[in-house]
C-alpha atoms as a PDB file:
ATOM      1  CA  MET A   1      -1.513 131.226 290.458  1.00  0.00           C
ATOM      2  CA  ILE A   2       1.454 131.274 287.119  1.00  0.00           C
ATOM      3  CA  THR A   3      -0.812 132.961 284.801  1.00  0.00           C
ATOM      4  CA  GLU A   4      -2.095 135.837 287.491  1.00  0.00           C
ATOM      5  CA  ALA A   5       1.644 136.150 288.699  1.00  0.00           C
ATOM      6  CA  ALA A   6       2.456 136.449 284.893  1.00  0.00           C
ATOM      7  CA  ARG A   7      -0.659 139.167 284.193  1.00  0.00           C
ATOM      8  CA  GLU A   8       0.887 140.604 287.353  1.00  0.00           C
ATOM      9  CA  ALA A   9       4.271 141.598 286.220  1.00  0.00           C
ATOM     10  CA  GLY A  10       2.991 142.730 282.715  1.00  0.00           C
ATOM     11  CA  HIS A  11       3.078 139.695 280.240  1.00  0.00           C
ATOM     12  CA  ASP A  12       0.463 138.964 277.580  1.00  0.00           C
ATOM     13  CA  VAL A  13      -1.230 135.866 278.898  1.00  0.00           C
ATOM     14  CA  LEU A  14      -3.848 133.868 276.405  1.00  0.00           C
ATOM     15  CA  THR A  15      -6.189 131.628 277.781  1.00  0.00           C
ATOM     16  CA  ALA A  16      -7.292 128.273 276.413  1.00  0.00           C
ATOM     17  CA  GLN A  17      -9.575 125.035 276.945  1.00  0.00           C
ATOM     18  CA  TRP A  18      -8.596 121.742 276.966  1.00  0.00           C
ATOM     19  CA  GLY A  19      -8.396 120.564 273.625  1.00  0.00           C
ATOM     20  CA  ASP A  20      -8.448 124.267 271.903  1.00  0.00           C
ATOM     21  CA  THR A  21      -5.231 124.985 269.368  1.00  0.00           C
ATOM     22  CA  VAL A  22      -2.464 126.660 271.032  1.00  0.00           C
ATOM     23  CA  PRO A  23      -1.014 129.291 268.172  1.00  0.00           C
ATOM     24  CA  ILE A  24       2.348 127.918 268.815  1.00  0.00           C
ATOM     25  CA  GLY A  25       4.120 131.145 266.864  1.00  0.00           C
ATOM     26  CA  GLN A  26       2.578 133.456 269.555  1.00  0.00           C
ATOM     27  CA  LEU A  27       3.731 131.916 272.787  1.00  0.00           C
ATOM     28  CA  ASP A  28       6.502 131.745 274.507  1.00  0.00           C
ATOM     29  CA  TRP A  29       5.281 129.288 277.538  1.00  0.00           C
ATOM     30  CA  LEU A  30       2.042 126.972 277.929  1.00  0.00           C
ATOM     31  CA  VAL A  31       1.088 126.598 281.174  1.00  0.00           C
ATOM     32  CA  GLN A  32      -1.054 123.459 281.424  1.00  0.00           C
ATOM     33  CA  ALA A  33      -2.996 122.380 284.843  1.00  0.00           C
ATOM     34  CA  CYS A  34      -2.094 118.494 285.576  1.00  0.00           C
ATOM     35  CA  GLY A  35      -4.490 116.010 287.228  1.00  0.00           C
ATOM     36  CA  CYS A  36      -3.125 112.699 288.084  1.00  0.00           C
ATOM     37  CA  SER A  37      -3.895 109.214 287.116  1.00  0.00           C
ATOM     38  CA  ALA A  38      -3.544 105.872 288.846  1.00  0.00           C
ATOM     39  CA  ASP A  39       0.082 105.325 287.322  1.00  0.00           C
ATOM     40  CA  ALA A  40       1.190 108.635 287.599  1.00  0.00           C
ATOM     41  CA  GLU A  41       3.962 110.014 290.322  1.00  0.00           C
ATOM     42  CA  PRO A  42       2.048 111.367 293.818  1.00  0.00           C
ATOM     43  CA  MET A  43       3.864 114.363 293.187  1.00  0.00           C
ATOM     44  CA  LEU A  44       2.009 114.699 290.434  1.00  0.00           C
ATOM     45  CA  TRP A  45      -1.218 115.480 291.690  1.00  0.00           C
ATOM     46  CA  ARG A  46      -2.532 118.858 291.356  1.00  0.00           C
ATOM     47  CA  SER A  47       0.825 120.191 289.949  1.00  0.00           C
ATOM     48  CA  THR A  48       1.247 122.347 287.145  1.00  0.00           C
ATOM     49  CA  GLN A  49       3.314 121.612 284.338  1.00  0.00           C
ATOM     50  CA  VAL A  50       4.476 124.388 281.874  1.00  0.00           C
ATOM     51  CA  LEU A  51       6.278 123.682 278.810  1.00  0.00           C
ATOM     52  CA  ASP A  52       8.730 125.879 277.027  1.00  0.00           C
ATOM     53  CA  HIS A  53       7.475 125.204 273.396  1.00  0.00           C
ATOM     54  CA  PRO A  54       3.451 124.797 273.389  1.00  0.00           C
ATOM     55  CA  GLY A  55       1.695 123.029 270.786  1.00  0.00           C
ATOM     56  CA  HIS A  56      -1.555 121.402 270.614  1.00  0.00           C
ATOM     57  CA  LEU A  57      -3.231 120.970 273.894  1.00  0.00           C
ATOM     58  CA  LEU A  58      -4.274 117.143 272.880  1.00  0.00           C
ATOM     59  CA  ALA A  59      -1.018 116.378 271.406  1.00  0.00           C
ATOM     60  CA  MET A  60       0.855 116.103 275.134  1.00  0.00           C
ATOM     61  CA  ALA A  61       2.442 112.525 274.482  1.00  0.00           C
ATOM     62  CA  ASP A  62       5.438 114.292 272.558  1.00  0.00           C
ATOM     63  CA  GLN A  63       6.422 116.681 276.057  1.00  0.00           C
ATOM     64  CA  PRO A  64       8.698 118.931 275.442  1.00  0.00           C
ATOM     65  CA  PRO A  65      11.492 119.987 278.184  1.00  0.00           C
ATOM     66  CA  SER A  66       9.054 121.038 281.096  1.00  0.00           C
ATOM     67  CA  VAL A  67       9.195 122.168 284.467  1.00  0.00           C
ATOM     68  CA  ARG A  68       6.803 121.359 287.163  1.00  0.00           C
ATOM     69  CA  ALA A  69       5.291 124.103 289.505  1.00  0.00           C
ATOM     70  CA  LEU A  70       3.551 123.309 293.194  1.00  0.00           C
ATOM     71  CA  VAL A  71       1.795 125.534 294.981  1.00  0.00           C
ATOM     72  CA  ASP A  72       3.858 126.061 298.242  1.00  0.00           C
ATOM     73  CA  PRO A  73       1.709 124.283 300.900  1.00  0.00           C
ATOM     74  CA  ASP A  74       3.179 125.844 303.578  1.00  0.00           C
ATOM     75  CA  ALA A  75       3.020 129.591 302.896  1.00  0.00           C
ATOM     76  CA  ASP A  76       0.282 131.617 304.440  1.00  0.00           C
ATOM     77  CA  ALA A  77      -3.181 131.580 302.518  1.00  0.00           C
ATOM     78  CA  GLY A  78      -3.012 135.298 302.023  1.00  0.00           C
ATOM     79  CA  ALA A  79      -0.228 135.162 300.125  1.00  0.00           C
ATOM     80  CA  PRO A  80      -0.011 131.881 297.794  1.00  0.00           C
ATOM     81  CA  ARG A  81       3.355 131.430 296.574  1.00  0.00           C
ATOM     82  CA  VAL A  82       4.083 129.132 293.489  1.00  0.00           C
ATOM     83  CA  LEU A  83       7.530 126.488 293.541  1.00  0.00           C
ATOM     84  CA  LEU A  84       9.750 126.158 291.062  1.00  0.00           C
ATOM     85  CA  PRO A  85      12.459 123.485 291.194  1.00  0.00           C
ATOM     86  CA  ASP A  86      15.902 125.132 291.041  1.00  0.00           C
ATOM     87  CA  THR A  87      16.835 123.958 287.781  1.00  0.00           C
ATOM     88  CA  HIS A  88      17.469 126.068 284.454  1.00  0.00           C
ATOM     89  CA  LEU A  89      14.043 126.355 282.637  1.00  0.00           C
ATOM     90  CA  GLY A  90      12.482 126.841 286.968  1.00  0.00           C
ATOM     91  CA  ALA A  91      14.909 129.891 287.127  1.00  0.00           C
ATOM     92  CA  GLU A  92      13.954 131.125 283.895  1.00  0.00           C
ATOM     93  CA  LEU A  93      10.233 130.728 284.492  1.00  0.00           C
ATOM     94  CA  ALA A  94      11.082 132.693 287.728  1.00  0.00           C
ATOM     95  CA  SER A  95      12.794 135.583 286.260  1.00  0.00           C
ATOM     96  CA  LEU A  96       9.615 136.484 284.600  1.00  0.00           C
ATOM     97  CA  LEU A  97       7.638 136.173 287.587  1.00  0.00           C
ATOM     98  CA  PRO A  98       7.209 138.894 290.783  1.00  0.00           C
ATOM     99  CA  GLU A  99      10.202 137.179 293.403  1.00  0.00           C
ATOM    100  CA  CYS A 100       7.088 137.579 295.791  1.00  0.00           C
ATOM    101  CA  ARG A 101       4.827 134.804 293.987  1.00  0.00           C
ATOM    102  CA  VAL A 102       7.578 132.388 293.513  1.00  0.00           C
ATOM    103  CA  ALA A 103      10.478 130.328 294.994  1.00  0.00           C
ATOM    104  CA  LEU A 104      13.103 128.103 293.582  1.00  0.00           C
ATOM    105  CA  ARG A 105      13.532 124.825 295.542  1.00  0.00           C
ATOM    106  CA  PRO A 106      15.964 121.763 294.875  1.00  0.00           C
ATOM    107  CA  GLN A 107      14.176 118.666 293.583  1.00  0.00           C
ATOM    108  CA  TYR A 108      14.221 116.905 297.038  1.00  0.00           C
ATOM    109  CA  GLN A 109      12.067 119.557 298.506  1.00  0.00           C
ATOM    110  CA  MET A 110       9.543 120.229 295.628  1.00  0.00           C
ATOM    111  CA  ARG A 111       8.376 116.177 296.437  1.00  0.00           C
ATOM    112  CA  SER A 112       8.441 117.298 299.939  1.00  0.00           C
ATOM    113  CA  ALA A 113       6.165 120.082 299.385  1.00  0.00           C
ATOM    114  CA  ALA A 114       4.064 117.530 297.203  1.00  0.00           C
ATOM    115  CA  TRP A 115       3.637 115.140 299.543  1.00  0.00           C
ATOM    116  CA  ARG A 116       2.934 117.700 302.474  1.00  0.00           C
ATOM    117  CA  ALA A 117       0.049 119.505 300.142  1.00  0.00           C
ATOM    118  CA  ILE A 118      -1.439 116.165 299.689  1.00  0.00           C
ATOM    119  CA  LEU A 119      -1.211 115.094 303.507  1.00  0.00           C
ATOM    120  CA  ARG A 120      -3.041 118.304 304.059  1.00  0.00           C
ATOM    121  CA  GLU A 121      -5.937 117.398 301.996  1.00  0.00           C
ATOM    122  CA  ILE A 122      -6.311 113.865 301.595  1.00  0.00           C
ATOM    123  CA  ALA A 123      -8.747 113.451 304.918  1.00  0.00           C
ATOM    124  CA  VAL A 124     -11.381 116.327 304.512  1.00  0.00           C
ATOM    125  CA  VAL A 125     -13.174 114.758 301.498  1.00  0.00           C
ATOM    126  CA  PRO A 126     -14.074 111.532 303.346  1.00  0.00           C
ATOM    127  CA  ILE A 127     -14.850 113.107 306.325  1.00  0.00           C
ATOM    128  CA  THR A 128     -17.053 115.722 304.826  1.00  0.00           C
ATOM    129  CA  VAL A 129     -18.982 113.417 302.331  1.00  0.00           C
ATOM    130  CA  LEU A 130     -19.671 110.468 304.874  1.00  0.00           C
ATOM    131  CA  THR A 131     -20.477 112.548 307.931  1.00  0.00           C
ATOM    132  CA  HIS A 132     -22.655 115.276 305.910  1.00  0.00           C
ATOM    133  CA  ARG A 133     -21.001 117.861 308.036  1.00  0.00           C
ATOM    134  CA  THR A 134     -18.512 120.829 306.441  1.00  0.00           C
ATOM    135  CA  ASP A 135     -18.139 122.400 309.652  1.00  0.00           C
ATOM    136  CA  PRO A 136     -14.776 122.443 310.642  1.00  0.00           C
ATOM    137  CA  ALA A 137     -15.553 121.554 314.117  1.00  0.00           C
ATOM    138  CA  ALA A 138     -16.471 117.881 312.896  1.00  0.00           C
ATOM    139  CA  PHE A 139     -12.661 117.654 313.095  1.00  0.00           C
ATOM    140  CA  ALA A 140     -12.294 117.990 316.809  1.00  0.00           C
ATOM    141  CA  VAL A 141     -14.488 115.151 317.831  1.00  0.00           C
ATOM    142  CA  PRO A 142     -12.381 112.747 318.869  1.00  0.00           C
ATOM    143  CA  SER A 143     -13.797 109.491 316.726  1.00  0.00           C
ATOM    144  CA  VAL A 144     -13.188 111.904 313.741  1.00  0.00           C
ATOM    145  CA  ARG A 145      -9.498 112.946 314.874  1.00  0.00           C
ATOM    146  CA  HIS A 146      -8.673 109.589 315.252  1.00  0.00           C
ATOM    147  CA  MET A 147      -9.921 108.646 311.535  1.00  0.00           C
ATOM    148  CA  ALA A 148      -8.625 111.492 310.188  1.00  0.00           C
ATOM    149  CA  LEU A 149      -4.926 110.811 311.685  1.00  0.00           C
ATOM    150  CA  THR A 150      -5.123 107.210 310.767  1.00  0.00           C
ATOM    151  CA  MET A 151      -5.498 108.284 306.976  1.00  0.00           C
ATOM    152  CA  LEU A 152      -2.908 110.563 307.421  1.00  0.00           C
ATOM    153  CA  ARG A 153      -0.637 108.169 308.793  1.00  0.00           C
ATOM    154  CA  GLU A 154      -0.636 105.809 306.589  1.00  0.00           C
ATOM    155  CA  ALA A 155       0.003 108.239 303.638  1.00  0.00           C
ATOM    156  CA  ALA A 156       3.054 109.455 305.678  1.00  0.00           C
ATOM    157  CA  GLU A 157       4.522 106.105 305.909  1.00  0.00           C
ATOM    158  CA  THR A 158       3.873 105.737 301.822  1.00  0.00           C
ATOM    159  CA  ALA A 159       5.880 109.136 301.646  1.00  0.00           C
ATOM    160  CA  GLU A 160       8.684 108.072 303.915  1.00  0.00           C
ATOM    161  CA  ALA A 161       9.086 104.810 301.561  1.00  0.00           C
ATOM    162  CA  ASP A 162       9.450 107.371 298.912  1.00  0.00           C
ATOM    163  CA  GLY A 163      11.594 109.258 300.650  1.00  0.00           C
ATOM    164  CA  VAL A 164       9.777 112.015 302.382  1.00  0.00           C
ATOM    165  CA  ARG A 165       9.813 111.967 306.464  1.00  0.00           C
ATOM    166  CA  VAL A 166       6.705 113.357 307.710  1.00  0.00           C
ATOM    167  CA  ARG A 167       7.135 113.672 311.947  1.00  0.00           C
ATOM    168  CA  ASP A 168       3.849 112.612 313.516  1.00  0.00           C
ATOM    169  CA  VAL A 169       3.496 115.710 315.230  1.00  0.00           C
ATOM    170  CA  TRP A 170       3.032 117.120 312.124  1.00  0.00           C
ATOM    171  CA  LEU A 171       0.410 114.869 311.206  1.00  0.00           C
ATOM    172  CA  GLU A 172      -1.533 116.208 314.271  1.00  0.00           C
ATOM    173  CA  GLY A 173      -0.960 119.668 313.583  1.00  0.00           C
ATOM    174  CA  VAL A 174      -2.274 118.998 309.967  1.00  0.00           C
ATOM    175  CA  VAL A 175      -5.858 117.306 311.461  1.00  0.00           C
ATOM    176  CA  ASP A 176      -5.719 120.599 314.535  1.00  0.00           C
ATOM    177  CA  SER A 177      -5.592 123.363 312.040  1.00  0.00           C
ATOM    178  CA  LEU A 178      -8.454 121.604 310.203  1.00  0.00           C
ATOM    179  CA  ALA A 179     -10.733 121.849 313.034  1.00  0.00           C
ATOM    180  CA  GLN A 180      -9.323 125.550 313.592  1.00  0.00           C
ATOM    181  CA  GLN A 181     -10.105 126.587 310.061  1.00  0.00           C
ATOM    182  CA  PRO A 182     -12.929 129.328 309.361  1.00  0.00           C
ATOM    183  CA  ALA A 183     -14.158 127.170 306.492  1.00  0.00           C
ATOM    184  CA  LEU A 184     -12.817 123.346 305.154  1.00  0.00           C
ATOM    185  CA  PRO A 185     -10.826 123.661 301.722  1.00  0.00           C
ATOM    186  CA  SER A 186     -13.770 122.179 299.086  1.00  0.00           C
ATOM    187  CA  GLY A 187     -13.120 119.677 297.377  1.00  0.00           C
ATOM    188  CA  GLU A 188     -14.790 117.540 295.141  1.00  0.00           C
ATOM    189  CA  ILE A 189     -14.856 113.329 295.393  1.00  0.00           C
ATOM    190  CA  GLY A 190     -12.788 112.906 291.947  1.00  0.00           C
ATOM    191  CA  ASP A 191     -10.472 114.998 292.632  1.00  0.00           C
ATOM    192  CA  TRP A 192      -9.717 112.687 295.694  1.00  0.00           C
ATOM    193  CA  LEU A 193      -9.776 109.783 294.145  1.00  0.00           C
ATOM    194  CA  ALA A 194      -7.829 111.139 291.394  1.00  0.00           C
ATOM    195  CA  MET A 195      -5.074 112.106 294.407  1.00  0.00           C
ATOM    196  CA  VAL A 196      -5.728 109.012 296.514  1.00  0.00           C
ATOM    197  CA  ALA A 197      -5.346 106.133 293.693  1.00  0.00           C
ATOM    198  CA  PRO A 198      -1.160 107.053 293.065  1.00  0.00           C
ATOM    199  CA  VAL A 199      -0.723 106.789 297.372  1.00  0.00           C
ATOM    200  CA  THR A 200      -2.476 103.593 297.507  1.00  0.00           C
ATOM    201  CA  GLU A 201      -0.630 102.485 294.397  1.00  0.00           C
ATOM    202  CA  LEU A 202       2.602 102.587 295.493  1.00  0.00           C
ATOM    203  CA  ALA A 203       1.627 101.825 299.170  1.00  0.00           C
ATOM    204  CA  ARG A 204       1.289  98.513 297.554  1.00  0.00           C
ATOM    205  CA  LEU A 205       4.222  98.192 295.831  1.00  0.00           C
ATOM    206  CA  HIS A 206       6.129  98.817 299.192  1.00  0.00           C
ATOM    207  CA  GLY A 207       4.294  96.604 301.118  1.00  0.00           C
ATOM    208  CA  ILE A 208       2.297  99.310 303.434  1.00  0.00           C
ATOM    209  CA  PRO A 209      -0.862  98.379 304.425  1.00  0.00           C
ATOM    210  CA  THR A 210      -3.712 101.407 303.600  1.00  0.00           C
ATOM    211  CA  SER A 211      -6.862  99.660 305.183  1.00  0.00           C
ATOM    212  CA  LEU A 212      -8.619 103.058 306.047  1.00  0.00           C
ATOM    213  CA  LEU A 213      -7.767 104.517 302.501  1.00  0.00           C
ATOM    214  CA  ASP A 214      -8.670 101.856 300.724  1.00  0.00           C
ATOM    215  CA  THR A 215     -11.813 101.845 302.223  1.00  0.00           C
ATOM    216  CA  MET A 216     -12.241 105.139 301.977  1.00  0.00           C
ATOM    217  CA  HIS A 217     -11.814 105.088 298.370  1.00  0.00           C
ATOM    218  CA  ILE A 218     -14.337 102.075 297.661  1.00  0.00           C
ATOM    219  CA  LEU A 219     -16.849 104.193 299.585  1.00  0.00           C
ATOM    220  CA  LEU A 220     -16.414 106.925 297.582  1.00  0.00           C
ATOM    221  CA  SER A 221     -16.334 105.715 294.375  1.00  0.00           C
ATOM    222  CA  GLU A 222     -19.549 104.096 294.930  1.00  0.00           C
ATOM    223  CA  ARG A 223     -20.994 107.280 296.083  1.00  0.00           C
ATOM    224  CA  ALA A 224     -18.932 109.202 292.507  1.00  0.00           C
ATOM    225  CA  SER A 225     -20.927 106.152 290.787  1.00  0.00           C
ATOM    226  CA  SER A 226     -24.320 106.789 291.889  1.00  0.00           C
ATOM    227  CA  SER A 227     -24.356 110.604 291.607  1.00  0.00           C
ATOM    228  CA  ARG A 228     -23.657 109.509 287.730  1.00  0.00           C
ATOM    229  CA  ALA A 229     -26.108 107.274 287.403  1.00  0.00           C
END
C-alpha cells in the first residue's frame, strides 16, 4: 500500500525481490514487508518496516532507524489506509504520501491497531480449513460462532495483558461481521501459524491459558506438514 501511495504521489518506485541487491545510492526509502517469528512481538505480524537508509535486503541485522507501519484495521474496505507512528520518521514519510492514504497515530494506538488486526483474522483460517467451508455463512452456525469467539477471547485476554483492552462486544461484532461479508478474507496456514505463535508465547509468559488456539496450532501445523510431504 505504501508503494502504491508513493506511485500515486508521483514518486519513482523500484520493486525488488527478497535477496536482490538494492542500489543504495538511488533510494531514499526502503519498504520491507515483514513476517513474524516465534520470538517477535505480536504487533510485528504483517507489519511493514520502512527504512530510511536502505542496504542489502539480506543484510537486515544491522537495521538503521526505521518506522513500522500497519494497515488500518478500522478503515473502510474501499478506502484502505496505512497507519504510521507519530514520530519524526513517521511524519517525514507521511509528508511524501497522499493524506487520504496515511494517518499518524501515537505508539499506544499503533499497538492497539496491531492487536485489532490480529483479532479480526485469528479465527478465519482454522474455521475454513477444518470445516472445509469458505462461505461466510459458516460463522453464523452457533457451534462455529462459539469456537471463533473462544479463539478471539483467548487472544483478547493476551492483548489485555499486553496493555490493550478489547471489549467482548467488539469481539462478537467481529464474528458477526465475518458471517455477513460477501467473501471471507483469504488466508494461508503458514501465515496463520506465524501470526498465532507470538500470541500464544506471550500468553504463556503471562500465565494465560490458550487451549483452543494451542489445539488449532497443533492441528494446522500437522496439516501444513502433510501438505509439504
